[in-house]
Amino acid sequence: MVYLTLSYDHRVVDGAVAHQFVGKVKGLLEGWSEEVL
């Protein structure tokens, strides 16, 4: 497991967008399907 922390500027990014962004990163990492070789 790994903790992911997103620090964001609330002038531009709202909490909903920030949590969705981190959720997207989390989903891509957990469901990784790309070949590396």
Full PDB file with SEQRES, HELIX, SHEET, SSBOND, CRYST1, ORIGX, SCALE, CONECT and MASTER records, all heavy atoms in Angstrom:
SEQRES   1 A   37  MET VAL TYR LEU THR LEU SER TYR ASP HIS ARG VAL VAL          
SEQRES   2 A   37  ASP GLY ALA VAL ALA HIS GLN PHE VAL GLY LYS VAL LYS          
SEQRES   3 A   37  GLY LEU LEU GLU GLY TRP SER GLU GLU VAL LEU                  
HELIX    1 AA1 GLY A   15  GLU A   30  1                                  16    
CRYST1    1.000    1.000    1.000  90.00  90.00  90.00 P 1           1          
ORIGX1      1.000000  0.000000  0.000000        0.00000                         
ORIGX2      0.000000  1.000000  0.000000        0.00000                         
ORIGX3      0.000000  0.000000  1.000000        0.00000                         
SCALE1      1.000000  0.000000  0.000000        0.00000                         
SCALE2      0.000000  1.000000  0.000000        0.00000                         
SCALE3      0.000000  0.000000  1.000000        0.00000                         
ATOM      1  N   MET A   1       0.822  -1.208   0.000  1.00  0.00           N  
ATOM      2  CA  MET A   1       0.000   0.000   0.000  1.00  0.00           C  
ATOM      3  C   MET A   1       0.860   1.264   0.000  1.00  0.00           C  
ATOM      4  O   MET A   1       1.993   1.266   0.468  1.00  0.00           O  
ATOM      5  CB  MET A   1      -0.924   0.014   1.218  1.00  0.00           C  
ATOM      6  CG  MET A   1      -1.800  -1.229   1.367  1.00  0.00           C  
ATOM      7  SD  MET A   1      -2.960  -1.459   0.000  1.00  0.00           S  
ATOM      8  CE  MET A   1      -3.998   0.002   0.181  1.00  0.00           C  
ATOM      9  N   VAL A   2       0.266   2.342  -0.523  1.00  0.00           N  
ATOM     10  CA  VAL A   2       0.948   3.632  -0.549  1.00  0.00           C  
ATOM     11  C   VAL A   2      -0.070   4.745  -0.292  1.00  0.00           C  
ATOM     12  O   VAL A   2      -1.202   4.696  -0.771  1.00  0.00           O  
ATOM     13  CB  VAL A   2       1.664   3.867  -1.899  1.00  0.00           C  
ATOM     14  CG1 VAL A   2       0.669   3.956  -3.058  1.00  0.00           C  
ATOM     15  CG2 VAL A   2       2.535   5.117  -1.841  1.00  0.00           C  
ATOM     16  N   TYR A   3       0.334   5.750   0.483  1.00  0.00           N  
ATOM     17  CA  TYR A   3      -0.509   6.924   0.702  1.00  0.00           C  
ATOM     18  C   TYR A   3      -0.208   7.966  -0.374  1.00  0.00           C  
ATOM     19  O   TYR A   3       0.958   8.229  -0.700  1.00  0.00           O  
ATOM     20  CB  TYR A   3      -0.251   7.533   2.084  1.00  0.00           C  
ATOM     21  CG  TYR A   3      -0.831   6.732   3.224  1.00  0.00           C  
ATOM     22  CD1 TYR A   3      -0.001   6.039   4.112  1.00  0.00           C  
ATOM     23  CD2 TYR A   3      -2.209   6.663   3.415  1.00  0.00           C  
ATOM     24  CE1 TYR A   3      -0.531   5.309   5.155  1.00  0.00           C  
ATOM     25  CE2 TYR A   3      -2.750   5.934   4.473  1.00  0.00           C  
ATOM     26  CZ  TYR A   3      -1.900   5.255   5.332  1.00  0.00           C  
ATOM     27  OH  TYR A   3      -2.430   4.527   6.372  1.00  0.00           O  
ATOM     28  N   LEU A   4      -1.264   8.549  -0.912  1.00  0.00           N  
ATOM     29  CA  LEU A   4      -1.155   9.613  -1.898  1.00  0.00           C  
ATOM     30  C   LEU A   4      -1.753  10.881  -1.305  1.00  0.00           C  
ATOM     31  O   LEU A   4      -2.901  10.874  -0.854  1.00  0.00           O  
ATOM     32  CB  LEU A   4      -1.897   9.237  -3.188  1.00  0.00           C  
ATOM     33  CG  LEU A   4      -1.505   7.912  -3.851  1.00  0.00           C  
ATOM     34  CD1 LEU A   4      -2.436   7.623  -5.024  1.00  0.00           C  
ATOM     35  CD2 LEU A   4      -0.048   7.957  -4.311  1.00  0.00           C  
ATOM     36  N   THR A   5      -0.992  11.975  -1.312  1.00  0.00           N  
ATOM     37  CA  THR A   5      -1.469  13.250  -0.768  1.00  0.00           C  
ATOM     38  C   THR A   5      -1.422  14.308  -1.855  1.00  0.00           C  
ATOM     39  O   THR A   5      -0.351  14.565  -2.432  1.00  0.00           O  
ATOM     40  CB  THR A   5      -0.603  13.715   0.410  1.00  0.00           C  
ATOM     41  OG1 THR A   5      -0.601  12.714   1.420  1.00  0.00           O  
ATOM     42  CG2 THR A   5      -1.155  15.006   0.999  1.00  0.00           C  
ATOM     43  N   LEU A   6      -2.566  14.885  -2.154  1.00  0.00           N  
ATOM     44  CA  LEU A   6      -2.606  15.976  -3.124  1.00  0.00           C  
ATOM     45  C   LEU A   6      -2.770  17.301  -2.378  1.00  0.00           C  
ATOM     46  O   LEU A   6      -3.771  17.521  -1.689  1.00  0.00           O  
ATOM     47  CB  LEU A   6      -3.763  15.803  -4.107  1.00  0.00           C  
ATOM     48  CG  LEU A   6      -3.835  16.859  -5.212  1.00  0.00           C  
ATOM     49  CD1 LEU A   6      -2.708  16.637  -6.225  1.00  0.00           C  
ATOM     50  CD2 LEU A   6      -5.187  16.859  -5.918  1.00  0.00           C  
ATOM     51  N   SER A   7      -1.756  18.167  -2.481  1.00  0.00           N  
ATOM     52  CA  SER A   7      -1.876  19.534  -1.975  1.00  0.00           C  
ATOM     53  C   SER A   7      -2.352  20.385  -3.139  1.00  0.00           C  
ATOM     54  O   SER A   7      -1.764  20.350  -4.217  1.00  0.00           O  
ATOM     55  CB  SER A   7      -0.520  20.058  -1.488  1.00  0.00           C  
ATOM     56  OG  SER A   7       0.030  19.222  -0.505  1.00  0.00           O  
ATOM     57  N   TYR A   8      -3.421  21.172  -2.911  1.00  0.00           N  
ATOM     58  CA  TYR A   8      -3.953  21.947  -4.027  1.00  0.00           C  
ATOM     59  C   TYR A   8      -4.353  23.350  -3.588  1.00  0.00           C  
ATOM     60  O   TYR A   8      -4.615  23.608  -2.417  1.00  0.00           O  
ATOM     61  CB  TYR A   8      -5.131  21.226  -4.685  1.00  0.00           C  
ATOM     62  CG  TYR A   8      -6.283  20.884  -3.781  1.00  0.00           C  
ATOM     63  CD1 TYR A   8      -7.398  21.724  -3.676  1.00  0.00           C  
ATOM     64  CD2 TYR A   8      -6.276  19.705  -3.041  1.00  0.00           C  
ATOM     65  CE1 TYR A   8      -8.461  21.398  -2.848  1.00  0.00           C  
ATOM     66  CE2 TYR A   8      -7.333  19.373  -2.208  1.00  0.00           C  
ATOM     67  CZ  TYR A   8      -8.424  20.229  -2.122  1.00  0.00           C  
ATOM     68  OH  TYR A   8      -9.477  19.913  -1.291  1.00  0.00           O  
ATOM     69  N   ASP A   9      -4.350  24.225  -4.559  1.00  0.00           N  
ATOM     70  CA  ASP A   9      -4.678  25.642  -4.359  1.00  0.00           C  
ATOM     71  C   ASP A   9      -6.185  25.801  -4.469  1.00  0.00           C  
ATOM     72  O   ASP A   9      -6.763  25.645  -5.550  1.00  0.00           O  
ATOM     73  CB  ASP A   9      -3.968  26.465  -5.436  1.00  0.00           C  
ATOM     74  CG  ASP A   9      -4.080  27.964  -5.218  1.00  0.00           C  
ATOM     75  OD1 ASP A   9      -5.055  28.399  -4.577  1.00  0.00           O  
ATOM     76  OD2 ASP A   9      -3.193  28.700  -5.706  1.00  0.00           O  
ATOM     77  N   HIS A  10      -6.818  26.140  -3.334  1.00  0.00           N  
ATOM     78  CA  HIS A  10      -8.277  26.197  -3.308  1.00  0.00           C  
ATOM     79  C   HIS A  10      -8.839  27.377  -4.101  1.00  0.00           C  
ATOM     80  O   HIS A  10     -10.052  27.481  -4.298  1.00  0.00           O  
ATOM     81  CB  HIS A  10      -8.781  26.254  -1.864  1.00  0.00           C  
ATOM     82  CG  HIS A  10     -10.084  25.560  -1.655  1.00  0.00           C  
ATOM     83  ND1 HIS A  10     -11.007  25.380  -2.661  1.00  0.00           N  
ATOM     84  CD2 HIS A  10     -10.640  24.993  -0.549  1.00  0.00           C  
ATOM     85  CE1 HIS A  10     -12.065  24.748  -2.196  1.00  0.00           C  
ATOM     86  NE2 HIS A  10     -11.868  24.492  -0.911  1.00  0.00           N  
ATOM     87  N   ARG A  11      -7.975  28.276  -4.565  1.00  0.00           N  
ATOM     88  CA  ARG A  11      -8.464  29.344  -5.444  1.00  0.00           C  
ATOM     89  C   ARG A  11      -8.917  28.777  -6.778  1.00  0.00           C  
ATOM     90  O   ARG A  11      -9.798  29.333  -7.437  1.00  0.00           O  
ATOM     91  CB  ARG A  11      -7.362  30.374  -5.697  1.00  0.00           C  
ATOM     92  CG  ARG A  11      -6.897  31.158  -4.484  1.00  0.00           C  
ATOM     93  CD  ARG A  11      -5.760  32.083  -4.881  1.00  0.00           C  
ATOM     94  NE  ARG A  11      -4.638  31.337  -5.457  1.00  0.00           N  
ATOM     95  CZ  ARG A  11      -3.626  31.918  -6.108  1.00  0.00           C  
ATOM     96  NH1 ARG A  11      -3.588  33.238  -6.248  1.00  0.00           N  
ATOM     97  NH2 ARG A  11      -2.643  31.181  -6.602  1.00  0.00           N  
ATOM     98  N   VAL A  12      -8.281  27.670  -7.202  1.00  0.00           N  
ATOM     99  CA  VAL A  12      -8.536  27.112  -8.530  1.00  0.00           C  
ATOM    100  C   VAL A  12      -9.185  25.735  -8.460  1.00  0.00           C  
ATOM    101  O   VAL A  12     -10.086  25.417  -9.245  1.00  0.00           O  
ATOM    102  CB  VAL A  12      -7.214  27.026  -9.328  1.00  0.00           C  
ATOM    103  CG1 VAL A  12      -7.440  26.397 -10.699  1.00  0.00           C  
ATOM    104  CG2 VAL A  12      -6.585  28.404  -9.469  1.00  0.00           C  
ATOM    105  N   VAL A  13      -8.720  24.912  -7.528  1.00  0.00           N  
ATOM    106  CA  VAL A  13      -9.186  23.517  -7.449  1.00  0.00           C  
ATOM    107  C   VAL A  13     -10.097  23.354  -6.240  1.00  0.00           C  
ATOM    108  O   VAL A  13      -9.718  23.701  -5.117  1.00  0.00           O  
ATOM    109  CB  VAL A  13      -7.989  22.554  -7.343  1.00  0.00           C  
ATOM    110  CG1 VAL A  13      -8.474  21.109  -7.313  1.00  0.00           C  
ATOM    111  CG2 VAL A  13      -7.013  22.778  -8.502  1.00  0.00           C  
ATOM    112  N   ASP A  14     -11.278  22.807  -6.469  1.00  0.00           N  
ATOM    113  CA  ASP A  14     -12.215  22.523  -5.378  1.00  0.00           C  
ATOM    114  C   ASP A  14     -11.998  21.116  -4.847  1.00  0.00           C  
ATOM    115  O   ASP A  14     -11.395  20.256  -5.516  1.00  0.00           O  
ATOM    116  CB  ASP A  14     -13.658  22.674  -5.856  1.00  0.00           C  
ATOM    117  CG  ASP A  14     -14.022  24.129  -6.128  1.00  0.00           C  
ATOM    118  OD1 ASP A  14     -13.462  25.006  -5.439  1.00  0.00           O  
ATOM    119  OD2 ASP A  14     -14.841  24.374  -7.019  1.00  0.00           O  
ATOM    120  N   GLY A  15     -12.510  20.869  -3.649  1.00  0.00           N  
ATOM    121  CA  GLY A  15     -12.322  19.578  -3.005  1.00  0.00           C  
ATOM    122  C   GLY A  15     -12.856  18.424  -3.819  1.00  0.00           C  
ATOM    123  O   GLY A  15     -12.237  17.357  -3.888  1.00  0.00           O  
ATOM    124  N   ALA A  16     -14.008  18.612  -4.459  1.00  0.00           N  
ATOM    125  CA  ALA A  16     -14.600  17.531  -5.243  1.00  0.00           C  
ATOM    126  C   ALA A  16     -13.673  17.119  -6.386  1.00  0.00           C  
ATOM    127  O   ALA A  16     -13.451  15.918  -6.634  1.00  0.00           O  
ATOM    128  CB  ALA A  16     -15.954  17.975  -5.799  1.00  0.00           C  
ATOM    129  N   VAL A  17     -13.133  18.107  -7.086  1.00  0.00           N  
ATOM    130  CA  VAL A  17     -12.221  17.813  -8.202  1.00  0.00           C  
ATOM    131  C   VAL A  17     -10.947  17.151  -7.686  1.00  0.00           C  
ATOM    132  O   VAL A  17     -10.438  16.197  -8.287  1.00  0.00           O  
ATOM    133  CB  VAL A  17     -11.890  19.106  -8.966  1.00  0.00           C  
ATOM    134  CG1 VAL A  17     -10.808  18.851 -10.020  1.00  0.00           C  
ATOM    135  CG2 VAL A  17     -13.134  19.678  -9.628  1.00  0.00           C  
ATOM    136  N   ALA A  18     -10.423  17.662  -6.563  1.00  0.00           N  
ATOM    137  CA  ALA A  18      -9.190  17.098  -6.012  1.00  0.00           C  
ATOM    138  C   ALA A  18      -9.376  15.623  -5.644  1.00  0.00           C  
ATOM    139  O   ALA A  18      -8.517  14.788  -5.957  1.00  0.00           O  
ATOM    140  CB  ALA A  18      -8.760  17.896  -4.779  1.00  0.00           C  
ATOM    141  N   HIS A  19     -10.484  15.299  -4.967  1.00  0.00           N  
ATOM    142  CA  HIS A  19     -10.716  13.902  -4.572  1.00  0.00           C  
ATOM    143  C   HIS A  19     -10.949  13.012  -5.791  1.00  0.00           C  
ATOM    144  O   HIS A  19     -10.515  11.855  -5.816  1.00  0.00           O  
ATOM    145  CB  HIS A  19     -11.904  13.827  -3.617  1.00  0.00           C  
ATOM    146  CG  HIS A  19     -11.572  14.303  -2.223  1.00  0.00           C  
ATOM    147  ND1 HIS A  19     -10.746  13.608  -1.375  1.00  0.00           N  
ATOM    148  CD2 HIS A  19     -11.946  15.416  -1.548  1.00  0.00           C  
ATOM    149  CE1 HIS A  19     -10.618  14.264  -0.231  1.00  0.00           C  
ATOM    150  NE2 HIS A  19     -11.344  15.378  -0.313  1.00  0.00           N  
ATOM    151  N   GLN A  20     -11.617  13.558  -6.804  1.00  0.00           N  
ATOM    152  CA  GLN A  20     -11.800  12.770  -8.033  1.00  0.00           C  
ATOM    153  C   GLN A  20     -10.465  12.536  -8.732  1.00  0.00           C  
ATOM    154  O   GLN A  20     -10.222  11.459  -9.280  1.00  0.00           O  
ATOM    155  CB  GLN A  20     -12.759  13.495  -8.977  1.00  0.00           C  
ATOM    156  CG  GLN A  20     -14.202  13.525  -8.488  1.00  0.00           C  
ATOM    157  CD  GLN A  20     -15.089  14.322  -9.428  1.00  0.00           C  
ATOM    158  OE1 GLN A  20     -15.485  13.835 -10.480  1.00  0.00           O  
ATOM    159  NE2 GLN A  20     -15.391  15.556  -9.046  1.00  0.00           N  
ATOM    160  N   PHE A  21      -9.611  13.535  -8.714  1.00  0.00           N  
ATOM    161  CA  PHE A  21      -8.292  13.390  -9.327  1.00  0.00           C  
ATOM    162  C   PHE A  21      -7.495  12.287  -8.627  1.00  0.00           C  
ATOM    163  O   PHE A  21      -6.936  11.399  -9.281  1.00  0.00           O  
ATOM    164  CB  PHE A  21      -7.538  14.723  -9.246  1.00  0.00           C  
ATOM    165  CG  PHE A  21      -6.119  14.651  -9.740  1.00  0.00           C  
ATOM    166  CD1 PHE A  21      -5.826  14.822 -11.076  1.00  0.00           C  
ATOM    167  CD2 PHE A  21      -5.065  14.395  -8.860  1.00  0.00           C  
ATOM    168  CE1 PHE A  21      -4.514  14.753 -11.533  1.00  0.00           C  
ATOM    169  CE2 PHE A  21      -3.757  14.317  -9.302  1.00  0.00           C  
ATOM    170  CZ  PHE A  21      -3.480  14.498 -10.649  1.00  0.00           C  
ATOM    171  N   VAL A  22      -7.439  12.351  -7.306  1.00  0.00           N  
ATOM    172  CA  VAL A  22      -6.701  11.324  -6.562  1.00  0.00           C  
ATOM    173  C   VAL A  22      -7.339   9.954  -6.778  1.00  0.00           C  
ATOM    174  O   VAL A  22      -6.634   8.941  -6.911  1.00  0.00           O  
ATOM    175  CB  VAL A  22      -6.641  11.678  -5.058  1.00  0.00           C  
ATOM    176  CG1 VAL A  22      -5.916  10.586  -4.280  1.00  0.00           C  
ATOM    177  CG2 VAL A  22      -5.934  13.004  -4.841  1.00  0.00           C  
ATOM    178  N   GLY A  23      -8.662   9.907  -6.828  1.00  0.00           N  
ATOM    179  CA  GLY A  23      -9.343   8.639  -7.084  1.00  0.00           C  
ATOM    180  C   GLY A  23      -8.993   8.066  -8.452  1.00  0.00           C  
ATOM    181  O   GLY A  23      -8.859   6.849  -8.616  1.00  0.00           O  
ATOM    182  N   LYS A  24      -8.840   8.952  -9.434  1.00  0.00           N  
ATOM    183  CA  LYS A  24      -8.452   8.509 -10.777  1.00  0.00           C  
ATOM    184  C   LYS A  24      -7.048   7.918 -10.754  1.00  0.00           C  
ATOM    185  O   LYS A  24      -6.790   6.860 -11.347  1.00  0.00           O  
ATOM    186  CB  LYS A  24      -8.506   9.696 -11.734  1.00  0.00           C  
ATOM    187  CG  LYS A  24      -8.106   9.401 -13.169  1.00  0.00           C  
ATOM    188  CD  LYS A  24      -9.178   8.632 -13.902  1.00  0.00           C  
ATOM    189  CE  LYS A  24      -8.864   8.532 -15.386  1.00  0.00           C  
ATOM    190  NZ  LYS A  24      -9.889   7.746 -16.111  1.00  0.00           N  
ATOM    191  N   VAL A  25      -6.121   8.606 -10.080  1.00  0.00           N  
ATOM    192  CA  VAL A  25      -4.743   8.093  -9.967  1.00  0.00           C  
ATOM    193  C   VAL A  25      -4.752   6.743  -9.270  1.00  0.00           C  
ATOM    194  O   VAL A  25      -4.100   5.787  -9.718  1.00  0.00           O  
ATOM    195  CB  VAL A  25      -3.857   9.100  -9.196  1.00  0.00           C  
ATOM    196  CG1 VAL A  25      -2.481   8.495  -8.922  1.00  0.00           C  
ATOM    197  CG2 VAL A  25      -3.720  10.397  -9.976  1.00  0.00           C  
ATOM    198  N   LYS A  26      -5.488   6.632  -8.199  1.00  0.00           N  
ATOM    199  CA  LYS A  26      -5.588   5.381  -7.437  1.00  0.00           C  
ATOM    200  C   LYS A  26      -6.116   4.244  -8.320  1.00  0.00           C  
ATOM    201  O   LYS A  26      -5.559   3.134  -8.344  1.00  0.00           O  
ATOM    202  CB  LYS A  26      -6.536   5.602  -6.248  1.00  0.00           C  
ATOM    203  CG  LYS A  26      -6.966   4.349  -5.498  1.00  0.00           C  
ATOM    204  CD  LYS A  26      -8.024   4.716  -4.463  1.00  0.00           C  
ATOM    205  CE  LYS A  26      -8.672   3.482  -3.826  1.00  0.00           C  
ATOM    206  NZ  LYS A  26      -7.803   2.880  -2.818  1.00  0.00           N  
ATOM    207  N   GLY A  27      -7.190   4.526  -9.066  1.00  0.00           N  
ATOM    208  CA  GLY A  27      -7.777   3.493  -9.922  1.00  0.00           C  
ATOM    209  C   GLY A  27      -6.826   3.023 -10.999  1.00  0.00           C  
ATOM    210  O   GLY A  27      -6.760   1.820 -11.308  1.00  0.00           O  
ATOM    211  N   LEU A  28      -6.086   3.946 -11.591  1.00  0.00           N  
ATOM    212  CA  LEU A  28      -5.137   3.574 -12.644  1.00  0.00           C  
ATOM    213  C   LEU A  28      -3.993   2.737 -12.092  1.00  0.00           C  
ATOM    214  O   LEU A  28      -3.515   1.797 -12.751  1.00  0.00           O  
ATOM    215  CB  LEU A  28      -4.590   4.842 -13.309  1.00  0.00           C  
ATOM    216  CG  LEU A  28      -5.602   5.629 -14.160  1.00  0.00           C  
ATOM    217  CD1 LEU A  28      -5.055   7.012 -14.501  1.00  0.00           C  
ATOM    218  CD2 LEU A  28      -5.918   4.857 -15.444  1.00  0.00           C  
ATOM    219  N   LEU A  29      -3.535   3.052 -10.894  1.00  0.00           N  
ATOM    220  CA  LEU A  29      -2.447   2.280 -10.300  1.00  0.00           C  
ATOM    221  C   LEU A  29      -2.917   0.867  -9.919  1.00  0.00           C  
ATOM    222  O   LEU A  29      -2.211  -0.116 -10.165  1.00  0.00           O  
ATOM    223  CB  LEU A  29      -1.916   3.011  -9.057  1.00  0.00           C  
ATOM    224  CG  LEU A  29      -1.190   4.336  -9.293  1.00  0.00           C  
ATOM    225  CD1 LEU A  29      -0.890   5.030  -7.967  1.00  0.00           C  
ATOM    226  CD2 LEU A  29       0.104   4.129 -10.096  1.00  0.00           C  
ATOM    227  N   GLU A  30      -4.078   0.803  -9.314  1.00  0.00           N  
ATOM    228  CA  GLU A  30      -4.569  -0.515  -8.859  1.00  0.00           C  
ATOM    229  C   GLU A  30      -4.979  -1.412 -10.011  1.00  0.00           C  
ATOM    230  O   GLU A  30      -4.871  -2.650  -9.911  1.00  0.00           O  
ATOM    231  CB  GLU A  30      -5.740  -0.304  -7.906  1.00  0.00           C  
ATOM    232  CG  GLU A  30      -5.334   0.349  -6.601  1.00  0.00           C  
ATOM    233  CD  GLU A  30      -6.471   0.533  -5.625  1.00  0.00           C  
ATOM    234  OE1 GLU A  30      -7.648   0.450  -6.070  1.00  0.00           O  
ATOM    235  OE2 GLU A  30      -6.225   0.730  -4.428  1.00  0.00           O  
ATOM    236  N   GLY A  31      -5.425  -0.803 -11.108  1.00  0.00           N  
ATOM    237  CA  GLY A  31      -5.850  -1.616 -12.260  1.00  0.00           C  
ATOM    238  C   GLY A  31      -4.854  -1.600 -13.386  1.00  0.00           C  
ATOM    239  O   GLY A  31      -5.239  -1.709 -14.560  1.00  0.00           O  
ATOM    240  N   TRP A  32      -3.569  -1.433 -13.070  1.00  0.00           N  
ATOM    241  CA  TRP A  32      -2.544  -1.276 -14.106  1.00  0.00           C  
ATOM    242  C   TRP A  32      -2.594  -2.427 -15.127  1.00  0.00           C  
ATOM    243  O   TRP A  32      -2.602  -3.606 -14.760  1.00  0.00           O  
ATOM    244  CB  TRP A  32      -1.159  -1.233 -13.470  1.00  0.00           C  
ATOM    245  CG  TRP A  32      -0.076  -0.879 -14.452  1.00  0.00           C  
ATOM    246  CD1 TRP A  32       0.645  -1.747 -15.209  1.00  0.00           C  
ATOM    247  CD2 TRP A  32       0.359   0.429 -14.794  1.00  0.00           C  
ATOM    248  NE1 TRP A  32       1.536  -1.070 -16.007  1.00  0.00           N  
ATOM    249  CE2 TRP A  32       1.373   0.278 -15.767  1.00  0.00           C  
ATOM    250  CE3 TRP A  32       0.007   1.706 -14.381  1.00  0.00           C  
ATOM    251  CZ2 TRP A  32       2.037   1.377 -16.342  1.00  0.00           C  
ATOM    252  CZ3 TRP A  32       0.670   2.794 -14.934  1.00  0.00           C  
ATOM    253  CH2 TRP A  32       1.667   2.627 -15.910  1.00  0.00           C  
ATOM    254  N   SER A  33      -2.598  -2.059 -16.416  1.00  0.00           N  
ATOM    255  CA  SER A  33      -2.663  -3.072 -17.485  1.00  0.00           C  
ATOM    256  C   SER A  33      -1.624  -2.860 -18.582  1.00  0.00           C  
ATOM    257  O   SER A  33      -1.516  -3.683 -19.490  1.00  0.00           O  
ATOM    258  CB  SER A  33      -4.066  -3.068 -18.109  1.00  0.00           C  
ATOM    259  OG  SER A  33      -4.361  -1.789 -18.658  1.00  0.00           O  
ATOM    260  N   GLU A  34      -0.865  -1.775 -18.508  1.00  0.00           N  
ATOM    261  CA  GLU A  34       0.099  -1.465 -19.548  1.00  0.00           C  
ATOM    262  C   GLU A  34       1.357  -2.322 -19.413  1.00  0.00           C  
ATOM    263  O   GLU A  34       1.885  -2.499 -18.311  1.00  0.00           O  
ATOM    264  CB  GLU A  34       0.476   0.021 -19.483  1.00  0.00           C  
ATOM    265  CG  GLU A  34       1.382   0.481 -20.598  1.00  0.00           C  
ATOM    266  CD  GLU A  34       1.651   1.976 -20.546  1.00  0.00           C  
ATOM    267  OE1 GLU A  34       0.954   2.680 -19.776  1.00  0.00           O  
ATOM    268  OE2 GLU A  34       2.549   2.447 -21.263  1.00  0.00           O  
ATOM    269  N   GLU A  35       1.842  -2.839 -20.544  1.00  0.00           N  
ATOM    270  CA  GLU A  35       3.083  -3.618 -20.546  1.00  0.00           C  
ATOM    271  C   GLU A  35       4.286  -2.688 -20.413  1.00  0.00           C  
ATOM    272  O   GLU A  35       4.279  -1.567 -20.934  1.00  0.00           O  
ATOM    273  CB  GLU A  35       3.193  -4.423 -21.843  1.00  0.00           C  
ATOM    274  CG  GLU A  35       2.137  -5.515 -21.991  1.00  0.00           C  
ATOM    275  CD  GLU A  35       2.297  -6.623 -20.979  1.00  0.00           C  
ATOM    276  OE1 GLU A  35       3.444  -6.861 -20.531  1.00  0.00           O  
ATOM    277  OE2 GLU A  35       1.288  -7.253 -20.630  1.00  0.00           O  
ATOM    278  N   VAL A  36       5.311  -3.141 -19.732  1.00  0.00           N  
ATOM    279  CA  VAL A  36       6.510  -2.315 -19.578  1.00  0.00           C  
ATOM    280  C   VAL A  36       7.679  -2.822 -20.403  1.00  0.00           C  
ATOM    281  O   VAL A  36       8.685  -2.123 -20.522  1.00  0.00           O  
ATOM    282  CB  VAL A  36       6.915  -2.233 -18.082  1.00  0.00           C  
ATOM    283  CG1 VAL A  36       5.817  -1.610 -17.261  1.00  0.00           C  
ATOM    284  CG2 VAL A  36       7.303  -3.596 -17.544  1.00  0.00           C  
ATOM    285  N   LEU A  37       7.570  -3.994 -20.960  1.00  0.00           N  
ATOM    286  CA  LEU A  37       8.637  -4.550 -21.791  1.00  0.00           C  
ATOM    287  C   LEU A  37       8.153  -4.724 -23.237  1.00  0.00           C  
ATOM    288  O   LEU A  37       6.975  -4.914 -23.497  1.00  0.00           O  
ATOM    289  CB  LEU A  37       9.080  -5.916 -21.256  1.00  0.00           C  
ATOM    290  CG  LEU A  37       9.920  -5.897 -19.972  1.00  0.00           C  
ATOM    291  CD1 LEU A  37      10.144  -7.319 -19.458  1.00  0.00           C  
ATOM    292  CD2 LEU A  37      11.277  -5.227 -20.235  1.00  0.00           C  
TER     293      LEU A  37                                                      
MASTER        0    0    0    1    0    0    0    6  292    1    0    3          
END                                                                             
